[in-house]
Amino acid sequence: MKIEPKFYRVRVDGDRSSAVLVCVTYNLDTGKRLVGIEYYELVWSFEDENLSIPSSRQATYKEELRVLHQAASAYEGPRAYEKEHIESHLKVAYGSDVNVCLEDIEPKQ
């Protein structure tokens, strides 16, 4: 169950490449100790031809996001850290030198 979901529009910019994603964050428990995050890559121009998911092992986070165009992560802690968590995970997937810009998506009333 997704408790108190929040949505972000995310742009990742590298030297010559970029990606646009939507991220959904939510609490995984009623005690609000665990936060889940889903990443959906919508548009990308990063080179992915060297990435694949071998059948001999489980995919890494980077492989899931860049090959399957969706991934998930979770952490224990307050929701106040979700933007930092998203940024750090996207730098793992796209490189430490990328610029990550998050924008809240407000639900229409």
PDB file of N, CA and C in Angstrom:
ATOM      1  N   MET A   1       0.836  -1.170   0.000  1.00  0.00           N
ATOM      2  CA  MET A   1       0.000   0.000   0.000  1.00  0.00           C
ATOM      3  C   MET A   1       0.888   1.241   0.000  1.00  0.00           C
ATOM      4  N   LYS A   2       0.557   2.196  -0.820  1.00  0.00           N
ATOM      5  CA  LYS A   2       1.311   3.444  -0.900  1.00  0.00           C
ATOM      6  C   LYS A   2       0.639   4.478  -0.002  1.00  0.00           C
ATOM      7  N   ILE A   3       1.293   4.796   1.100  1.00  0.00           N
ATOM      8  CA  ILE A   3       0.763   5.737   2.077  1.00  0.00           C
ATOM      9  C   ILE A   3       1.314   7.123   1.776  1.00  0.00           C
ATOM     10  N   GLU A   4       0.412   8.090   1.613  1.00  0.00           N
ATOM     11  CA  GLU A   4       0.771   9.481   1.330  1.00  0.00           C
ATOM     12  C   GLU A   4       1.722   9.612   0.136  1.00  0.00           C
ATOM     13  N   PRO A   5       1.304   9.177  -1.048  1.00  0.00           N
ATOM     14  CA  PRO A   5       2.188   9.277  -2.212  1.00  0.00           C
ATOM     15  C   PRO A   5       2.460  10.724  -2.611  1.00  0.00           C
ATOM     16  N   LYS A   6       3.660  10.942  -3.133  1.00  0.00           N
ATOM     17  CA  LYS A   6       4.064  12.244  -3.641  1.00  0.00           C
ATOM     18  C   LYS A   6       4.769  11.998  -4.977  1.00  0.00           C
ATOM     19  N   PHE A   7       4.609  12.935  -5.916  1.00  0.00           N
ATOM     20  CA  PHE A   7       5.111  12.744  -7.266  1.00  0.00           C
ATOM     21  C   PHE A   7       6.104  13.844  -7.626  1.00  0.00           C
ATOM     22  N   TYR A   8       7.161  13.448  -8.355  1.00  0.00           N
ATOM     23  CA  TYR A   8       8.174  14.394  -8.804  1.00  0.00           C
ATOM     24  C   TYR A   8       8.425  14.227 -10.301  1.00  0.00           C
ATOM     25  N   ARG A   9       8.608  15.334 -10.983  1.00  0.00           N
ATOM     26  CA  ARG A   9       9.118  15.354 -12.354  1.00  0.00           C
ATOM     27  C   ARG A   9      10.615  15.602 -12.201  1.00  0.00           C
ATOM     28  N   VAL A  10      11.423  14.764 -12.832  1.00  0.00           N
ATOM     29  CA  VAL A  10      12.868  14.839 -12.635  1.00  0.00           C
ATOM     30  C   VAL A  10      13.565  14.950 -13.992  1.00  0.00           C
ATOM     31  N   ARG A  11      14.538  15.835 -14.058  1.00  0.00           N
ATOM     32  CA  ARG A  11      15.371  15.972 -15.257  1.00  0.00           C
ATOM     33  C   ARG A  11      16.812  15.715 -14.840  1.00  0.00           C
ATOM     34  N   VAL A  12      17.469  14.855 -15.601  1.00  0.00           N
ATOM     35  CA  VAL A  12      18.873  14.528 -15.372  1.00  0.00           C
ATOM     36  C   VAL A  12      19.641  15.030 -16.585  1.00  0.00           C
ATOM     37  N   ASP A  13      20.611  15.909 -16.374  1.00  0.00           N
ATOM     38  CA  ASP A  13      21.398  16.460 -17.466  1.00  0.00           C
ATOM     39  C   ASP A  13      22.863  16.090 -17.309  1.00  0.00           C
ATOM     40  N   GLY A  14      23.420  15.503 -18.374  1.00  0.00           N
ATOM     41  CA  GLY A  14      24.849  15.224 -18.458  1.00  0.00           C
ATOM     42  C   GLY A  14      25.472  16.195 -19.437  1.00  0.00           C
ATOM     43  N   ASP A  15      26.701  15.915 -19.862  1.00  0.00           N
ATOM     44  CA  ASP A  15      27.382  16.794 -20.815  1.00  0.00           C
ATOM     45  C   ASP A  15      26.609  16.914 -22.126  1.00  0.00           C
ATOM     46  N   ARG A  16      26.252  15.781 -22.708  1.00  0.00           N
ATOM     47  CA  ARG A  16      25.560  15.790 -23.999  1.00  0.00           C
ATOM     48  C   ARG A  16      24.278  14.978 -23.983  1.00  0.00           C
ATOM     49  N   SER A  17      23.893  14.474 -22.841  1.00  0.00           N
ATOM     50  CA  SER A  17      22.730  13.597 -22.735  1.00  0.00           C
ATOM     51  C   SER A  17      21.808  14.062 -21.625  1.00  0.00           C
ATOM     52  N   SER A  18      20.578  13.613 -21.700  1.00  0.00           N
ATOM     53  CA  SER A  18      19.622  13.958 -20.653  1.00  0.00           C
ATOM     54  C   SER A  18      18.583  12.852 -20.529  1.00  0.00           C
ATOM     55  N   ALA A  19      17.829  12.914 -19.456  1.00  0.00           N
ATOM     56  CA  ALA A  19      16.733  11.979 -19.224  1.00  0.00           C
ATOM     57  C   ALA A  19      15.648  12.702 -18.440  1.00  0.00           C
ATOM     58  N   VAL A  20      14.408  12.297 -18.677  1.00  0.00           N
ATOM     59  CA  VAL A  20      13.265  12.824 -17.934  1.00  0.00           C
ATOM     60  C   VAL A  20      12.578  11.633 -17.281  1.00  0.00           C
ATOM     61  N   LEU A  21      12.310  11.771 -16.000  1.00  0.00           N
ATOM     62  CA  LEU A  21      11.693  10.698 -15.244  1.00  0.00           C
ATOM     63  C   LEU A  21      10.531  11.229 -14.424  1.00  0.00           C
ATOM     64  N   VAL A  22       9.703  10.308 -13.971  1.00  0.00           N
ATOM     65  CA  VAL A  22       8.708  10.588 -12.943  1.00  0.00           C
ATOM     66  C   VAL A  22       9.045   9.672 -11.780  1.00  0.00           C
ATOM     67  N   CYS A  23       9.070  10.236 -10.578  1.00  0.00           N
ATOM     68  CA  CYS A  23       9.321   9.453  -9.366  1.00  0.00           C
ATOM     69  C   CYS A  23       8.105   9.550  -8.457  1.00  0.00           C
ATOM     70  N   VAL A  24       7.767   8.433  -7.860  1.00  0.00           N
ATOM     71  CA  VAL A  24       6.675   8.363  -6.895  1.00  0.00           C
ATOM     72  C   VAL A  24       7.283   7.947  -5.566  1.00  0.00           C
ATOM     73  N   THR A  25       7.030   8.747  -4.521  1.00  0.00           N
ATOM     74  CA  THR A  25       7.520   8.408  -3.188  1.00  0.00           C
ATOM     75  C   THR A  25       6.325   8.166  -2.280  1.00  0.00           C
ATOM     76  N   TYR A  26       6.519   7.332  -1.269  1.00  0.00           N
ATOM     77  CA  TYR A  26       5.426   7.001  -0.357  1.00  0.00           C
ATOM     78  C   TYR A  26       5.983   6.300   0.868  1.00  0.00           C
ATOM     79  N   ASN A  27       5.203   6.304   1.932  1.00  0.00           N
ATOM     80  CA  ASN A  27       5.555   5.534   3.118  1.00  0.00           C
ATOM     81  C   ASN A  27       5.127   4.093   2.901  1.00  0.00           C
ATOM     82  N   LEU A  28       5.961   3.168   3.357  1.00  0.00           N
ATOM     83  CA  LEU A  28       5.662   1.741   3.219  1.00  0.00           C
ATOM     84  C   LEU A  28       4.985   1.167   4.458  1.00  0.00           C
ATOM     85  N   ASP A  29       4.964   1.908   5.545  1.00  0.00           N
ATOM     86  CA  ASP A  29       4.368   1.412   6.780  1.00  0.00           C
ATOM     87  C   ASP A  29       3.601   2.537   7.471  1.00  0.00           C
ATOM     88  N   THR A  30       2.645   2.164   8.300  1.00  0.00           N
ATOM     89  CA  THR A  30       1.827   3.169   8.984  1.00  0.00           C
ATOM     90  C   THR A  30       2.620   3.946  10.030  1.00  0.00           C
ATOM     91  N   GLY A  31       3.728   3.388  10.499  1.00  0.00           N
ATOM     92  CA  GLY A  31       4.589   4.098  11.438  1.00  0.00           C
ATOM     93  C   GLY A  31       5.478   5.125  10.760  1.00  0.00           C
ATOM     94  N   LYS A  32       5.431   5.162   9.429  1.00  0.00           N
ATOM     95  CA  LYS A  32       6.171   6.123   8.610  1.00  0.00           C
ATOM     96  C   LYS A  32       7.679   6.068   8.862  1.00  0.00           C
ATOM     97  N   ARG A  33       8.201   4.852   9.016  1.00  0.00           N
ATOM     98  CA  ARG A  33       9.642   4.663   9.182  1.00  0.00           C
ATOM     99  C   ARG A  33      10.317   4.319   7.854  1.00  0.00           C
ATOM    100  N   LEU A  34       9.564   3.678   6.951  1.00  0.00           N
ATOM    101  CA  LEU A  34      10.123   3.208   5.689  1.00  0.00           C
ATOM    102  C   LEU A  34       9.547   3.992   4.517  1.00  0.00           C
ATOM    103  N   VAL A  35      10.418   4.405   3.604  1.00  0.00           N
ATOM    104  CA  VAL A  35      10.004   5.180   2.431  1.00  0.00           C
ATOM    105  C   VAL A  35      10.348   4.374   1.187  1.00  0.00           C
ATOM    106  N   GLY A  36       9.384   4.250   0.284  1.00  0.00           N
ATOM    107  CA  GLY A  36       9.605   3.589  -0.997  1.00  0.00           C
ATOM    108  C   GLY A  36       9.618   4.617  -2.111  1.00  0.00           C
ATOM    109  N   ILE A  37      10.427   4.356  -3.123  1.00  0.00           N
ATOM    110  CA  ILE A  37      10.521   5.267  -4.264  1.00  0.00           C
ATOM    111  C   ILE A  37      10.520   4.438  -5.539  1.00  0.00           C
ATOM    112  N   GLU A  38       9.666   4.823  -6.487  1.00  0.00           N
ATOM    113  CA  GLU A  38       9.629   4.199  -7.808  1.00  0.00           C
ATOM    114  C   GLU A  38      10.086   5.227  -8.827  1.00  0.00           C
ATOM    115  N   TYR A  39      10.921   4.784  -9.759  1.00  0.00           N
ATOM    116  CA  TYR A  39      11.503   5.640 -10.793  1.00  0.00           C
ATOM    117  C   TYR A  39      10.999   5.146 -12.151  1.00  0.00           C
ATOM    118  N   TYR A  40      10.485   6.043 -12.958  1.00  0.00           N
ATOM    119  CA  TYR A  40      10.009   5.704 -14.300  1.00  0.00           C
ATOM    120  C   TYR A  40      10.714   6.619 -15.301  1.00  0.00           C
ATOM    121  N   GLU A  41      11.605   6.047 -16.119  1.00  0.00           N
ATOM    122  CA  GLU A  41      12.328   6.810 -17.121  1.00  0.00           C
ATOM    123  C   GLU A  41      11.430   6.945 -18.349  1.00  0.00           C
ATOM    124  N   LEU A  42      11.075   8.170 -18.694  1.00  0.00           N
ATOM    125  CA  LEU A  42      10.147   8.421 -19.794  1.00  0.00           C
ATOM    126  C   LEU A  42      10.869   8.733 -21.102  1.00  0.00           C
ATOM    127  N   VAL A  43      11.885   9.577 -21.033  1.00  0.00           N
ATOM    128  CA  VAL A  43      12.643  10.007 -22.207  1.00  0.00           C
ATOM    129  C   VAL A  43      14.112  10.006 -21.808  1.00  0.00           C
ATOM    130  N   TRP A  44      14.998   9.543 -22.726  1.00  0.00           N
ATOM    131  CA  TRP A  44      16.412   9.496 -22.408  1.00  0.00           C
ATOM    132  C   TRP A  44      17.246   9.580 -23.681  1.00  0.00           C
ATOM    133  N   SER A  45      18.434  10.153 -23.538  1.00  0.00           N
ATOM    134  CA  SER A  45      19.384  10.182 -24.644  1.00  0.00           C
ATOM    135  C   SER A  45      20.758   9.677 -24.210  1.00  0.00           C
ATOM    136  N   PHE A  46      20.858   9.139 -23.003  1.00  0.00           N
ATOM    137  CA  PHE A  46      22.109   8.556 -22.530  1.00  0.00           C
ATOM    138  C   PHE A  46      22.401   7.278 -23.316  1.00  0.00           C
ATOM    139  N   GLU A  47      23.674   7.017 -23.574  1.00  0.00           N
ATOM    140  CA  GLU A  47      24.091   5.809 -24.284  1.00  0.00           C
ATOM    141  C   GLU A  47      23.856   4.590 -23.392  1.00  0.00           C
ATOM    142  N   ASP A  48      23.069   3.638 -23.881  1.00  0.00           N
ATOM    143  CA  ASP A  48      22.739   2.452 -23.091  1.00  0.00           C
ATOM    144  C   ASP A  48      23.198   1.156 -23.740  1.00  0.00           C
ATOM    145  N   GLU A  49      23.888   1.222 -24.885  1.00  0.00           N
ATOM    146  CA  GLU A  49      24.199  -0.005 -25.613  1.00  0.00           C
ATOM    147  C   GLU A  49      25.146  -0.938 -24.869  1.00  0.00           C
ATOM    148  N   ASN A  50      25.925  -0.435 -23.922  1.00  0.00           N
ATOM    149  CA  ASN A  50      26.833  -1.288 -23.156  1.00  0.00           C
ATOM    150  C   ASN A  50      26.183  -1.876 -21.916  1.00  0.00           C
ATOM    151  N   LEU A  51      24.935  -1.545 -21.673  1.00  0.00           N
ATOM    152  CA  LEU A  51      24.231  -2.067 -20.498  1.00  0.00           C
ATOM    153  C   LEU A  51      23.354  -3.239 -20.902  1.00  0.00           C
ATOM    154  N   SER A  52      23.351  -4.268 -20.078  1.00  0.00           N
ATOM    155  CA  SER A  52      22.458  -5.404 -20.278  1.00  0.00           C
ATOM    156  C   SER A  52      22.255  -6.078 -18.921  1.00  0.00           C
ATOM    157  N   ILE A  53      21.293  -6.958 -18.866  1.00  0.00           N
ATOM    158  CA  ILE A  53      21.018  -7.696 -17.634  1.00  0.00           C
ATOM    159  C   ILE A  53      21.306  -9.167 -17.915  1.00  0.00           C
ATOM    160  N   PRO A  54      22.431  -9.678 -17.410  1.00  0.00           N
ATOM    161  CA  PRO A  54      22.748 -11.086 -17.641  1.00  0.00           C
ATOM    162  C   PRO A  54      21.760 -11.997 -16.910  1.00  0.00           C
ATOM    163  N   SER A  55      21.464 -13.134 -17.490  1.00  0.00           N
ATOM    164  CA  SER A  55      20.512 -14.062 -16.870  1.00  0.00           C
ATOM    165  C   SER A  55      21.104 -14.771 -15.658  1.00  0.00           C
ATOM    166  N   SER A  56      22.419 -14.655 -15.457  1.00  0.00           N
ATOM    167  CA  SER A  56      23.090 -15.369 -14.369  1.00  0.00           C
ATOM    168  C   SER A  56      23.001 -14.672 -13.014  1.00  0.00           C
ATOM    169  N   ARG A  57      22.484 -13.444 -12.997  1.00  0.00           N
ATOM    170  CA  ARG A  57      22.404 -12.728 -11.718  1.00  0.00           C
ATOM    171  C   ARG A  57      21.255 -11.733 -11.748  1.00  0.00           C
ATOM    172  N   GLN A  58      20.966 -11.213 -10.569  1.00  0.00           N
ATOM    173  CA  GLN A  58      19.917 -10.203 -10.450  1.00  0.00           C
ATOM    174  C   GLN A  58      20.425  -8.871 -11.010  1.00  0.00           C
ATOM    175  N   ALA A  59      19.530  -8.104 -11.596  1.00  0.00           N
ATOM    176  CA  ALA A  59      19.890  -6.799 -12.159  1.00  0.00           C
ATOM    177  C   ALA A  59      20.255  -5.817 -11.051  1.00  0.00           C
ATOM    178  N   THR A  60      21.175  -4.932 -11.351  1.00  0.00           N
ATOM    179  CA  THR A  60      21.509  -3.846 -10.436  1.00  0.00           C
ATOM    180  C   THR A  60      20.460  -2.743 -10.608  1.00  0.00           C
ATOM    181  N   TYR A  61      20.465  -1.805  -9.685  1.00  0.00           N
ATOM    182  CA  TYR A  61      19.553  -0.663  -9.791  1.00  0.00           C
ATOM    183  C   TYR A  61      19.784   0.073 -11.110  1.00  0.00           C
ATOM    184  N   LYS A  62      21.048   0.339 -11.448  1.00  0.00           N
ATOM    185  CA  LYS A  62      21.390   1.050 -12.680  1.00  0.00           C
ATOM    186  C   LYS A  62      20.860   0.289 -13.895  1.00  0.00           C
ATOM    187  N   GLU A  63      21.049  -1.009 -13.933  1.00  0.00           N
ATOM    188  CA  GLU A  63      20.577  -1.816 -15.061  1.00  0.00           C
ATOM    189  C   GLU A  63      19.059  -1.790 -15.164  1.00  0.00           C
ATOM    190  N   GLU A  64      18.378  -1.888 -14.036  1.00  0.00           N
ATOM    191  CA  GLU A  64      16.909  -1.836 -14.060  1.00  0.00           C
ATOM    192  C   GLU A  64      16.425  -0.524 -14.655  1.00  0.00           C
ATOM    193  N   LEU A  65      16.982   0.574 -14.183  1.00  0.00           N
ATOM    194  CA  LEU A  65      16.514   1.878 -14.636  1.00  0.00           C
ATOM    195  C   LEU A  65      16.887   2.137 -16.092  1.00  0.00           C
ATOM    196  N   ARG A  66      18.116   1.854 -16.459  1.00  0.00           N
ATOM    197  CA  ARG A  66      18.594   2.223 -17.796  1.00  0.00           C
ATOM    198  C   ARG A  66      18.212   1.213 -18.875  1.00  0.00           C
ATOM    199  N   VAL A  67      17.970  -0.051 -18.517  1.00  0.00           N
ATOM    200  CA  VAL A  67      17.585  -1.063 -19.505  1.00  0.00           C
ATOM    201  C   VAL A  67      16.073  -1.268 -19.523  1.00  0.00           C
ATOM    202  N   LEU A  68      15.480  -1.420 -18.342  1.00  0.00           N
ATOM    203  CA  LEU A  68      14.036  -1.660 -18.247  1.00  0.00           C
ATOM    204  C   LEU A  68      13.240  -0.367 -18.115  1.00  0.00           C
ATOM    205  N   HIS A  69      13.919   0.735 -17.857  1.00  0.00           N
ATOM    206  CA  HIS A  69      13.334   2.079 -17.748  1.00  0.00           C
ATOM    207  C   HIS A  69      12.395   2.232 -16.553  1.00  0.00           C
ATOM    208  N   GLN A  70      12.597   1.388 -15.559  1.00  0.00           N
ATOM    209  CA  GLN A  70      11.912   1.568 -14.279  1.00  0.00           C
ATOM    210  C   GLN A  70      12.710   0.834 -13.211  1.00  0.00           C
ATOM    211  N   ALA A  71      12.663   1.384 -12.004  1.00  0.00           N
ATOM    212  CA  ALA A  71      13.393   0.800 -10.888  1.00  0.00           C
ATOM    213  C   ALA A  71      12.725   1.259  -9.597  1.00  0.00           C
ATOM    214  N   ALA A  72      13.185   0.709  -8.493  1.00  0.00           N
ATOM    215  CA  ALA A  72      12.645   1.089  -7.188  1.00  0.00           C
ATOM    216  C   ALA A  72      13.769   1.063  -6.159  1.00  0.00           C
ATOM    217  N   SER A  73      13.591   1.855  -5.120  1.00  0.00           N
ATOM    218  CA  SER A  73      14.514   1.849  -3.988  1.00  0.00           C
ATOM    219  C   SER A  73      13.710   2.147  -2.733  1.00  0.00           C
ATOM    220  N   ALA A  74      14.347   1.970  -1.596  1.00  0.00           N
ATOM    221  CA  ALA A  74      13.683   2.239  -0.313  1.00  0.00           C
ATOM    222  C   ALA A  74      14.748   2.612   0.707  1.00  0.00           C
ATOM    223  N   TYR A  75      14.319   3.302   1.732  1.00  0.00           N
ATOM    224  CA  TYR A  75      15.220   3.618   2.831  1.00  0.00           C
ATOM    225  C   TYR A  75      14.415   3.760   4.112  1.00  0.00           C
ATOM    226  N   GLU A  76      15.119   3.656   5.233  1.00  0.00           N
ATOM    227  CA  GLU A  76      14.509   3.872   6.535  1.00  0.00           C
ATOM    228  C   GLU A  76      14.878   5.265   7.001  1.00  0.00           C
ATOM    229  N   GLY A  77      13.866   6.072   7.287  1.00  0.00           N
ATOM    230  CA  GLY A  77      14.110   7.433   7.730  1.00  0.00           C
ATOM    231  C   GLY A  77      12.946   8.325   7.378  1.00  0.00           C
ATOM    232  N   PRO A  78      13.056   9.603   7.682  1.00  0.00           N
ATOM    233  CA  PRO A  78      11.954  10.532   7.422  1.00  0.00           C
ATOM    234  C   PRO A  78      11.834  10.887   5.944  1.00  0.00           C
ATOM    235  N   ARG A  79      10.650  11.302   5.552  1.00  0.00           N
ATOM    236  CA  ARG A  79      10.392  11.709   4.172  1.00  0.00           C
ATOM    237  C   ARG A  79      11.196  12.951   3.782  1.00  0.00           C
ATOM    238  N   ALA A  80      11.676  13.689   4.744  1.00  0.00           N
ATOM    239  CA  ALA A  80      12.457  14.893   4.453  1.00  0.00           C
ATOM    240  C   ALA A  80      13.718  14.572   3.657  1.00  0.00           C
ATOM    241  N   TYR A  81      14.159  13.306   3.652  1.00  0.00           N
ATOM    242  CA  TYR A  81      15.371  12.908   2.942  1.00  0.00           C
ATOM    243  C   TYR A  81      15.097  12.332   1.559  1.00  0.00           C
ATOM    244  N   GLU A  82      13.838  12.319   1.111  1.00  0.00           N
ATOM    245  CA  GLU A  82      13.538  11.634  -0.141  1.00  0.00           C
ATOM    246  C   GLU A  82      14.181  12.294  -1.358  1.00  0.00           C
ATOM    247  N   LYS A  83      14.254  13.615  -1.395  1.00  0.00           N
ATOM    248  CA  LYS A  83      14.881  14.280  -2.542  1.00  0.00           C
ATOM    249  C   LYS A  83      16.372  13.955  -2.620  1.00  0.00           C
ATOM    250  N   GLU A  84      17.056  13.944  -1.484  1.00  0.00           N
ATOM    251  CA  GLU A  84      18.473  13.590  -1.466  1.00  0.00           C
ATOM    252  C   GLU A  84      18.671  12.140  -1.886  1.00  0.00           C
ATOM    253  N   HIS A  85      17.768  11.262  -1.463  1.00  0.00           N
ATOM    254  CA  HIS A  85      17.843   9.846  -1.826  1.00  0.00           C
ATOM    255  C   HIS A  85      17.672   9.679  -3.338  1.00  0.00           C
ATOM    256  N   ILE A  86      16.690  10.360  -3.910  1.00  0.00           N
ATOM    257  CA  ILE A  86      16.452  10.292  -5.355  1.00  0.00           C
ATOM    258  C   ILE A  86      17.684  10.784  -6.104  1.00  0.00           C
ATOM    259  N   GLU A  87      18.200  11.937  -5.720  1.00  0.00           N
ATOM    260  CA  GLU A  87      19.364  12.508  -6.404  1.00  0.00           C
ATOM    261  C   GLU A  87      20.558  11.566  -6.340  1.00  0.00           C
ATOM    262  N   SER A  88      20.836  11.001  -5.172  1.00  0.00           N
ATOM    263  CA  SER A  88      22.002  10.118  -5.051  1.00  0.00           C
ATOM    264  C   SER A  88      21.830   8.847  -5.880  1.00  0.00           C
ATOM    265  N   HIS A  89      20.619   8.309  -5.941  1.00  0.00           N
ATOM    266  CA  HIS A  89      20.391   7.108  -6.749  1.00  0.00           C
ATOM    267  C   HIS A  89      20.481   7.409  -8.245  1.00  0.00           C
ATOM    268  N   LEU A  90      20.024   8.572  -8.663  1.00  0.00           N
ATOM    269  CA  LEU A  90      20.129   8.917 -10.077  1.00  0.00           C
ATOM    270  C   LEU A  90      21.580   9.169 -10.482  1.00  0.00           C
ATOM    271  N   LYS A  91      22.393   9.646  -9.565  1.00  0.00           N
ATOM    272  CA  LYS A  91      23.817   9.812  -9.855  1.00  0.00           C
ATOM    273  C   LYS A  91      24.506   8.459  -9.958  1.00  0.00           C
ATOM    274  N   VAL A  92      24.017   7.464  -9.253  1.00  0.00           N
ATOM    275  CA  VAL A  92      24.526   6.098  -9.413  1.00  0.00           C
ATOM    276  C   VAL A  92      24.189   5.585 -10.814  1.00  0.00           C
ATOM    277  N   ALA A  93      22.980   5.857 -11.273  1.00  0.00           N
ATOM    278  CA  ALA A  93      22.525   5.344 -12.562  1.00  0.00           C
ATOM    279  C   ALA A  93      23.127   6.078 -13.755  1.00  0.00           C
ATOM    280  N   TYR A  94      23.319   7.392 -13.640  1.00  0.00           N
ATOM    281  CA  TYR A  94      23.737   8.194 -14.787  1.00  0.00           C
ATOM    282  C   TYR A  94      25.152   8.758 -14.681  1.00  0.00           C
ATOM    283  N   GLY A  95      25.739   8.719 -13.513  1.00  0.00           N
ATOM    284  CA  GLY A  95      27.087   9.248 -13.322  1.00  0.00           C
ATOM    285  C   GLY A  95      27.105  10.358 -12.284  1.00  0.00           C
ATOM    286  N   SER A  96      28.172  10.430 -11.543  1.00  0.00           N
ATOM    287  CA  SER A  96      28.256  11.389 -10.435  1.00  0.00           C
ATOM    288  C   SER A  96      28.319  12.838 -10.892  1.00  0.00           C
ATOM    289  N   ASP A  97      28.628  13.060 -12.157  1.00  0.00           N
ATOM    290  CA  ASP A  97      28.766  14.431 -12.639  1.00  0.00           C
ATOM    291  C   ASP A  97      27.488  15.000 -13.264  1.00  0.00           C
ATOM    292  N   VAL A  98      26.367  14.275 -13.225  1.00  0.00           N
ATOM    293  CA  VAL A  98      25.126  14.788 -13.814  1.00  0.00           C
ATOM    294  C   VAL A  98      24.469  15.800 -12.879  1.00  0.00           C
ATOM    295  N   ASN A  99      23.633  16.633 -13.454  1.00  0.00           N
ATOM    296  CA  ASN A  99      22.829  17.584 -12.689  1.00  0.00           C
ATOM    297  C   ASN A  99      21.418  17.017 -12.597  1.00  0.00           C
ATOM    298  N   VAL A 100      20.872  16.958 -11.385  1.00  0.00           N
ATOM    299  CA  VAL A 100      19.530  16.407 -11.156  1.00  0.00           C
ATOM    300  C   VAL A 100      18.630  17.525 -10.649  1.00  0.00           C
ATOM    301  N   CYS A 101      17.504  17.730 -11.339  1.00  0.00           N
ATOM    302  CA  CYS A 101      16.549  18.766 -10.958  1.00  0.00           C
ATOM    303  C   CYS A 101      15.192  18.108 -10.693  1.00  0.00           C
ATOM    304  N   LEU A 102      14.687  18.271  -9.473  1.00  0.00           N
ATOM    305  CA  LEU A 102      13.393  17.706  -9.082  1.00  0.00           C
ATOM    306  C   LEU A 102      12.352  18.806  -8.987  1.00  0.00           C
ATOM    307  N   GLU A 103      11.169  18.524  -9.485  1.00  0.00           N
ATOM    308  CA  GLU A 103      10.053  19.461  -9.422  1.00  0.00           C
ATOM    309  C   GLU A 103       8.823  18.705  -8.923  1.00  0.00           C
ATOM    310  N   ASP A 104       8.175  19.247  -7.906  1.00  0.00           N
ATOM    311  CA  ASP A 104       6.950  18.626  -7.381  1.00  0.00           C
ATOM    312  C   ASP A 104       5.869  18.603  -8.446  1.00  0.00           C
ATOM    313  N   ILE A 105       5.133  17.520  -8.514  1.00  0.00           N
ATOM    314  CA  ILE A 105       3.924  17.450  -9.338  1.00  0.00           C
ATOM    315  C   ILE A 105       2.758  17.507  -8.374  1.00  0.00           C
ATOM    316  N   GLU A 106       2.030  18.590  -8.414  1.00  0.00           N
ATOM    317  CA  GLU A 106       0.903  18.779  -7.487  1.00  0.00           C
ATOM    318  C   GLU A 106      -0.358  18.165  -8.107  1.00  0.00           C
ATOM    319  N   PRO A 107      -1.099  17.378  -7.312  1.00  0.00           N
ATOM    320  CA  PRO A 107      -2.353  16.828  -7.829  1.00  0.00           C
ATOM    321  C   PRO A 107      -3.383  17.937  -8.054  1.00  0.00           C
ATOM    322  N   LYS A 108      -4.149  17.778  -9.104  1.00  0.00           N
ATOM    323  CA  LYS A 108      -5.192  18.763  -9.381  1.00  0.00           C
ATOM    324  C   LYS A 108      -6.352  18.556  -8.422  1.00  0.00           C
ATOM    325  N   GLN A 109      -6.861  19.656  -7.932  1.00  0.00           N
ATOM    326  CA  GLN A 109      -7.967  19.598  -6.966  1.00  0.00           C
ATOM    327  C   GLN A 109      -9.298  19.633  -7.668  1.00  0.00           C
TER     328      GLN A 109
END
